[in-house]
Each structure stands twice: as C-alpha cells, then as structure tokens.
C-alpha atoms as a PDB file:
ATOM      1  CA  MET A   1      22.569 -33.105   0.844  1.00  0.00           C
ATOM      2  CA  ALA A   2      22.571 -29.413   0.074  1.00  0.00           C
ATOM      3  CA  GLY A   3      19.232 -27.649  -0.271  1.00  0.00           C
ATOM      4  CA  ILE A   4      16.574 -25.346   1.078  1.00  0.00           C
ATOM      5  CA  VAL A   5      15.578 -26.060   4.666  1.00  0.00           C
ATOM      6  CA  GLY A   6      12.737 -23.561   4.952  1.00  0.00           C
ATOM      7  CA  ILE A   7      11.502 -20.025   4.698  1.00  0.00           C
ATOM      8  CA  ASN A   8      13.415 -17.709   7.044  1.00  0.00           C
ATOM      9  CA  HIS A   9      11.572 -14.443   6.393  1.00  0.00           C
ATOM     10  CA  VAL A  10       9.378 -12.559   3.955  1.00  0.00           C
ATOM     11  CA  ALA A  11      10.350  -9.004   2.928  1.00  0.00           C
ATOM     12  CA  PHE A  12       7.905  -6.381   1.716  1.00  0.00           C
ATOM     13  CA  CYS A  13       8.756  -3.122  -0.072  1.00  0.00           C
ATOM     14  CA  VAL A  14       6.483  -0.381   1.278  1.00  0.00           C
ATOM     15  CA  PRO A  15       6.015   3.345   0.598  1.00  0.00           C
ATOM     16  CA  ASP A  16       5.753   4.206   4.333  1.00  0.00           C
ATOM     17  CA  LEU A  17       7.916   2.211   6.735  1.00  0.00           C
ATOM     18  CA  GLU A  18       6.361   3.715   9.888  1.00  0.00           C
ATOM     19  CA  ALA A  19       2.828   2.932   8.719  1.00  0.00           C
ATOM     20  CA  ALA A  20       3.839  -0.674   7.896  1.00  0.00           C
ATOM     21  CA  ILE A  21       5.423  -1.106  11.309  1.00  0.00           C
ATOM     22  CA  GLN A  22       2.427   0.348  13.104  1.00  0.00           C
ATOM     23  CA  ASN A  23       0.077  -1.912  11.132  1.00  0.00           C
ATOM     24  CA  ALA A  24       2.155  -4.996  12.014  1.00  0.00           C
ATOM     25  CA  LEU A  25       2.344  -4.044  15.675  1.00  0.00           C
ATOM     26  CA  GLY A  26      -1.112  -2.612  16.243  1.00  0.00           C
ATOM     27  CA  ASN A  27      -3.291  -4.687  13.940  1.00  0.00           C
ATOM     28  CA  LEU A  28      -1.369  -7.954  13.611  1.00  0.00           C
ATOM     29  CA  GLY A  29       0.096  -8.222  17.126  1.00  0.00           C
ATOM     30  CA  GLY A  30       3.688  -8.133  15.965  1.00  0.00           C
ATOM     31  CA  LYS A  31       6.770  -7.317  18.007  1.00  0.00           C
ATOM     32  CA  LEU A  32       9.464  -4.959  16.653  1.00  0.00           C
ATOM     33  CA  MET A  33      12.817  -6.747  16.525  1.00  0.00           C
ATOM     34  CA  ILE A  34      15.138  -4.184  14.885  1.00  0.00           C
ATOM     35  CA  ARG A  35      15.297  -1.148  12.650  1.00  0.00           C
ATOM     36  CA  PHE A  36      18.142  -0.883  10.166  1.00  0.00           C
ATOM     37  CA  GLU A  37      19.519   0.965   7.201  1.00  0.00           C
ATOM     38  CA  SER A  38      21.425  -0.062   4.081  1.00  0.00           C
ATOM     39  CA  ILE A  39      23.723   2.775   3.089  1.00  0.00           C
ATOM     40  CA  PRO A  40      24.619   1.613  -0.469  1.00  0.00           C
ATOM     41  CA  GLY A  41      21.157   0.142  -1.032  1.00  0.00           C
ATOM     42  CA  LYS A  42      19.557   3.463  -0.012  1.00  0.00           C
ATOM     43  CA  TYR A  43      16.791   1.978   2.046  1.00  0.00           C
ATOM     44  CA  ARG A  44      15.630   1.728   5.641  1.00  0.00           C
ATOM     45  CA  GLY A  45      13.892  -1.254   7.124  1.00  0.00           C
ATOM     46  CA  ALA A  46      12.549  -3.123  10.116  1.00  0.00           C
ATOM     47  CA  CYS A  47      12.148  -6.714  11.121  1.00  0.00           C
ATOM     48  CA  VAL A  48       8.943  -7.612  12.916  1.00  0.00           C
ATOM     49  CA  GLN A  49       8.193 -10.868  14.691  1.00  0.00           C
ATOM     50  CA  LEU A  50       4.729 -12.269  13.930  1.00  0.00           C
ATOM     51  CA  GLY A  51       4.325 -15.406  16.015  1.00  0.00           C
ATOM     52  CA  ALA A  52       7.277 -17.637  15.235  1.00  0.00           C
ATOM     53  CA  SER A  53       7.917 -15.874  11.896  1.00  0.00           C
ATOM     54  CA  ILE A  54       9.779 -12.754  10.761  1.00  0.00           C
ATOM     55  CA  VAL A  55       8.543 -10.160   8.309  1.00  0.00           C
ATOM     56  CA  SER A  56      10.815  -7.418   7.001  1.00  0.00           C
ATOM     57  CA  TYR A  57       9.577  -4.086   5.715  1.00  0.00           C
ATOM     58  CA  LEU A  58      11.766  -1.959   3.429  1.00  0.00           C
ATOM     59  CA  GLN A  59      11.318   1.665   2.345  1.00  0.00           C
ATOM     60  CA  GLY A  60      13.558   3.427  -0.141  1.00  0.00           C
ATOM     61  CA  SER A  61      15.410   6.478   1.216  1.00  0.00           C
ATOM     62  CA  ASP A  62      16.254   7.646  -2.330  1.00  0.00           C
ATOM     63  CA  GLU A  63      14.096   7.600  -5.485  1.00  0.00           C
ATOM     64  CA  GLY A  64      16.829   5.645  -7.320  1.00  0.00           C
ATOM     65  CA  SER A  65      16.957   2.776  -4.820  1.00  0.00           C
ATOM     66  CA  PHE A  66      15.698  -0.654  -5.914  1.00  0.00           C
ATOM     67  CA  VAL A  67      13.113  -0.465  -3.104  1.00  0.00           C
ATOM     68  CA  ALA A  68      11.660   2.851  -4.281  1.00  0.00           C
ATOM     69  CA  GLN A  69      11.669   1.622  -7.902  1.00  0.00           C
ATOM     70  CA  PHE A  70       9.896  -1.578  -6.839  1.00  0.00           C
ATOM     71  CA  VAL A  71       7.126   0.407  -5.103  1.00  0.00           C
ATOM     72  CA  ALA A  72       6.818   2.879  -8.022  1.00  0.00           C
ATOM     73  CA  LYS A  73       6.494   0.039 -10.543  1.00  0.00           C
ATOM     74  CA  ARG A  74       4.498  -2.555  -8.599  1.00  0.00           C
ATOM     75  CA  GLY A  75       3.139  -0.869  -5.497  1.00  0.00           C
ATOM     76  CA  PRO A  76       3.801  -2.335  -2.085  1.00  0.00           C
ATOM     77  CA  GLY A  77       4.382  -6.051  -1.980  1.00  0.00           C
ATOM     78  CA  VAL A  78       6.645  -8.994  -1.464  1.00  0.00           C
ATOM     79  CA  GLN A  79      10.120  -8.248  -2.801  1.00  0.00           C
ATOM     80  CA  HIS A  80      12.058 -11.277  -1.521  1.00  0.00           C
ATOM     81  CA  LEU A  81      11.899 -14.493   0.440  1.00  0.00           C
ATOM     82  CA  GLY A  82      14.730 -15.319   2.795  1.00  0.00           C
ATOM     83  CA  LEU A  83      15.405 -19.077   2.553  1.00  0.00           C
ATOM     84  CA  THR A  84      17.573 -21.013   4.995  1.00  0.00           C
ATOM     85  CA  VAL A  85      19.896 -23.310   3.055  1.00  0.00           C
ATOM     86  CA  GLU A  86      22.177 -26.138   4.192  1.00  0.00           C
ATOM     87  CA  GLY A  87      25.338 -26.505   2.106  1.00  0.00           C
ATOM     88  CA  LEU A  88      25.010 -23.117   0.357  1.00  0.00           C
ATOM     89  CA  ASP A  89      28.189 -23.496  -1.746  1.00  0.00           C
ATOM     90  CA  GLU A  90      27.021 -26.856  -3.103  1.00  0.00           C
ATOM     91  CA  TYR A  91      23.454 -25.617  -3.594  1.00  0.00           C
ATOM     92  CA  VAL A  92      24.629 -22.539  -5.547  1.00  0.00           C
ATOM     93  CA  ALA A  93      26.881 -24.729  -7.704  1.00  0.00           C
ATOM     94  CA  SER A  94      23.868 -26.956  -8.515  1.00  0.00           C
ATOM     95  CA  LEU A  95      21.772 -23.940  -9.464  1.00  0.00           C
ATOM     96  CA  GLU A  96      24.509 -22.579 -11.718  1.00  0.00           C
ATOM     97  CA  ALA A  97      24.927 -25.989 -13.344  1.00  0.00           C
ATOM     98  CA  ARG A  98      21.282 -25.683 -14.385  1.00  0.00           C
ATOM     99  CA  GLY A  99      21.955 -22.264 -15.918  1.00  0.00           C
ATOM    100  CA  ILE A 100      20.456 -20.202 -13.078  1.00  0.00           C
ATOM    101  CA  ARG A 101      22.260 -16.938 -12.440  1.00  0.00           C
ATOM    102  CA  VAL A 102      23.247 -16.394  -8.817  1.00  0.00           C
ATOM    103  CA  ASP A 103      24.570 -13.204  -7.244  1.00  0.00           C
ATOM    104  CA  LYS A 104      27.364 -14.523  -5.002  1.00  0.00           C
ATOM    105  CA  SER A 105      28.690 -11.148  -3.792  1.00  0.00           C
ATOM    106  CA  ASP A 106      27.721 -11.900  -0.169  1.00  0.00           C
ATOM    107  CA  MET A 107      29.159 -15.410  -0.065  1.00  0.00           C
ATOM    108  CA  GLN A 108      32.586 -14.303   1.075  1.00  0.00           C
ATOM    109  CA  ASN A 109      31.316 -13.583   4.593  1.00  0.00           C
ATOM    110  CA  GLU A 110      31.794 -16.977   6.219  1.00  0.00           C
ATOM    111  CA  ARG A 111      29.717 -16.007   9.240  1.00  0.00           C
ATOM    112  CA  PHE A 112      26.720 -14.602   7.323  1.00  0.00           C
ATOM    113  CA  LYS A 113      26.974 -16.312   3.939  1.00  0.00           C
ATOM    114  CA  GLU A 114      24.195 -15.336   1.485  1.00  0.00           C
ATOM    115  CA  ALA A 115      23.430 -15.421  -2.228  1.00  0.00           C
ATOM    116  CA  LEU A 116      20.623 -14.030  -4.367  1.00  0.00           C
ATOM    117  CA  VAL A 117      18.578 -15.598  -7.136  1.00  0.00           C
ATOM    118  CA  GLY A 118      16.551 -13.313  -9.387  1.00  0.00           C
ATOM    119  CA  PRO A 119      12.782 -13.032  -9.646  1.00  0.00           C
ATOM    120  CA  LYS A 120      12.495 -15.135 -12.811  1.00  0.00           C
ATOM    121  CA  THR A 121      13.503 -18.232 -10.886  1.00  0.00           C
ATOM    122  CA  GLY A 122      11.621 -17.022  -7.781  1.00  0.00           C
ATOM    123  CA  GLN A 123       8.272 -16.688  -9.589  1.00  0.00           C
ATOM    124  CA  GLY A 124       8.328 -12.917  -9.322  1.00  0.00           C
ATOM    125  CA  VAL A 125      10.311 -12.490  -6.094  1.00  0.00           C
ATOM    126  CA  VAL A 126      14.006 -12.464  -5.325  1.00  0.00           C
ATOM    127  CA  LEU A 127      15.275 -15.456  -3.336  1.00  0.00           C
ATOM    128  CA  GLN A 128      17.800 -14.661  -0.614  1.00  0.00           C
ATOM    129  CA  LEU A 129      19.639 -17.918   0.108  1.00  0.00           C
ATOM    130  CA  MET A 130      21.068 -17.840   3.628  1.00  0.00           C
ATOM    131  CA  GLU A 131      23.491 -20.041   5.525  1.00  0.00           C
ATOM    132  CA  TRP A 132      24.561 -18.308   8.734  1.00  0.00           C
ATOM    133  CA  ARG A 133      27.338 -20.098  10.598  1.00  0.00           C
ATOM    134  CA  ASP A 134      26.048 -19.555  14.156  1.00  0.00           C
ATOM    135  CA  GLY A 135      22.406 -20.170  13.334  1.00  0.00           C
ATOM    136  CA  ALA A 136      19.777 -18.365  11.300  1.00  0.00           C
ATOM    137  CA  MET A 137      17.968 -15.227  12.366  1.00  0.00           C
ATOM    138  CA  ASP A 138      14.688 -16.272  13.847  1.00  0.00           C
ATOM    139  CA  ALA A 139      12.173 -15.270  16.494  1.00  0.00           C
ATOM    140  CA  THR A 140      14.276 -16.741  19.357  1.00  0.00           C
ATOM    141  CA  PRO A 141      16.537 -14.532  21.534  1.00  0.00           C
ATOM    142  CA  GLN A 142      19.589 -16.237  19.917  1.00  0.00           C
ATOM    143  CA  GLY A 143      18.170 -15.548  16.441  1.00  0.00           C
ATOM    144  CA  LEU A 144      17.627 -11.877  17.328  1.00  0.00           C
ATOM    145  CA  GLU A 145      21.227 -11.591  18.504  1.00  0.00           C
ATOM    146  CA  GLN A 146      22.400 -13.145  15.229  1.00  0.00           C
ATOM    147  CA  LEU A 147      20.356 -10.579  13.326  1.00  0.00           C
ATOM    148  CA  LYS A 148      21.761  -7.678  15.351  1.00  0.00           C
ATOM    149  CA  GLU A 149      25.319  -8.978  14.891  1.00  0.00           C
ATOM    150  CA  LYS A 150      24.820  -9.146  11.116  1.00  0.00           C
ATOM    151  CA  TYR A 151      23.899  -5.446  11.065  1.00  0.00           C
ATOM    152  CA  ARG A 152      26.702  -4.481  13.496  1.00  0.00           C
ATOM    153  CA  SER A 153      29.398  -6.336  11.559  1.00  0.00           C
ATOM    154  CA  ASP A 154      28.605  -5.298   7.972  1.00  0.00           C
ATOM    155  CA  PRO A 155      30.003  -1.838   7.100  1.00  0.00           C
ATOM    156  CA  ASN A 156      27.257  -1.341   4.497  1.00  0.00           C
ATOM    157  CA  LEU A 157      24.523  -1.829   7.074  1.00  0.00           C
ATOM    158  CA  ARG A 158      23.588   0.162  10.152  1.00  0.00           C
ATOM    159  CA  LEU A 159      21.611  -1.129  13.141  1.00  0.00           C
ATOM    160  CA  ILE A 160      19.230   1.590  14.297  1.00  0.00           C
ATOM    161  CA  GLN A 161      17.443  -0.291  17.075  1.00  0.00           C
END
C-alpha cells in the first residue's frame, strides 16, 4: 500500500549558512555531507549528518528567493520535512482525491521522483514527498552517493562539495 515510510530529512532556512554549518559541526557533532546551490531557487545549502539523520540548511542568495522571504517573515526555522514515500504516484493521487494540492513538477524524473505538499497540510511546513529509485538519501555511504548524484544530474542544481 502506498504511503509515508518515514522522515528522510529536516530542512531549516537560516540567515547565515556558514554559521549554521559551524554550529552543527562544532556544537552538535555533525558531519558535513555536501554543499549545494539551486540556481532557479536562488539559494545555497548544505546537508549535515547528525547521527543517523540528515539536516539541511538553506540560505537565500537573493532577497527575492523563497528562502530569504521565509527568514524575513518568520526568522530561521524548519521550512520543510523530506518524507520517504512508497508508491508516490498512488499516494499523490490519494492526496489529490481528498482535495489536497500537490506540486508534481518533480515527478517526471523517474530516478529522483519528488512532489511537494504545501504548509497548510504540513501544519506550517512544506512536505517534500520522495521516492528515489535507487534508494533514499541517508547517512550511509550509498545514501550520500545518491544525494550527490541527484545534484550532479539535475541542471537546476549544482553540487559544490
């Protein structure tokens, strides 16, 4: 049966990416996984491993980006939850049948299929629904390679590290 399997990652919008990374590494004992950039989204980010979990930090690179607007309106905080889903097509159809709007613009990528549900349904945070064909990004070496491949293969994203 299609549905959410678990939380994949938590993403925070922050005003200072470097300070967030240093806090996660120095104070929380995290390990930097990657740095990245979204060209059309106008933000930079990093994924940090904390134990068996992943936390993403996002900083707007332009005042008009959704990340910069989030920080200006709400201050730093959780912007989205990445949720691993089995049977994403079926799950999205079930959400839409209940009248929930779903952004399906990233569902065409069969290898890294994703959809977004807005913050009204997510109790104030965006829900990133993820079904990656070769396994989810996670804190394992294979999961890290999946994450890097996602950023290498998407022309709108750039892997920095």
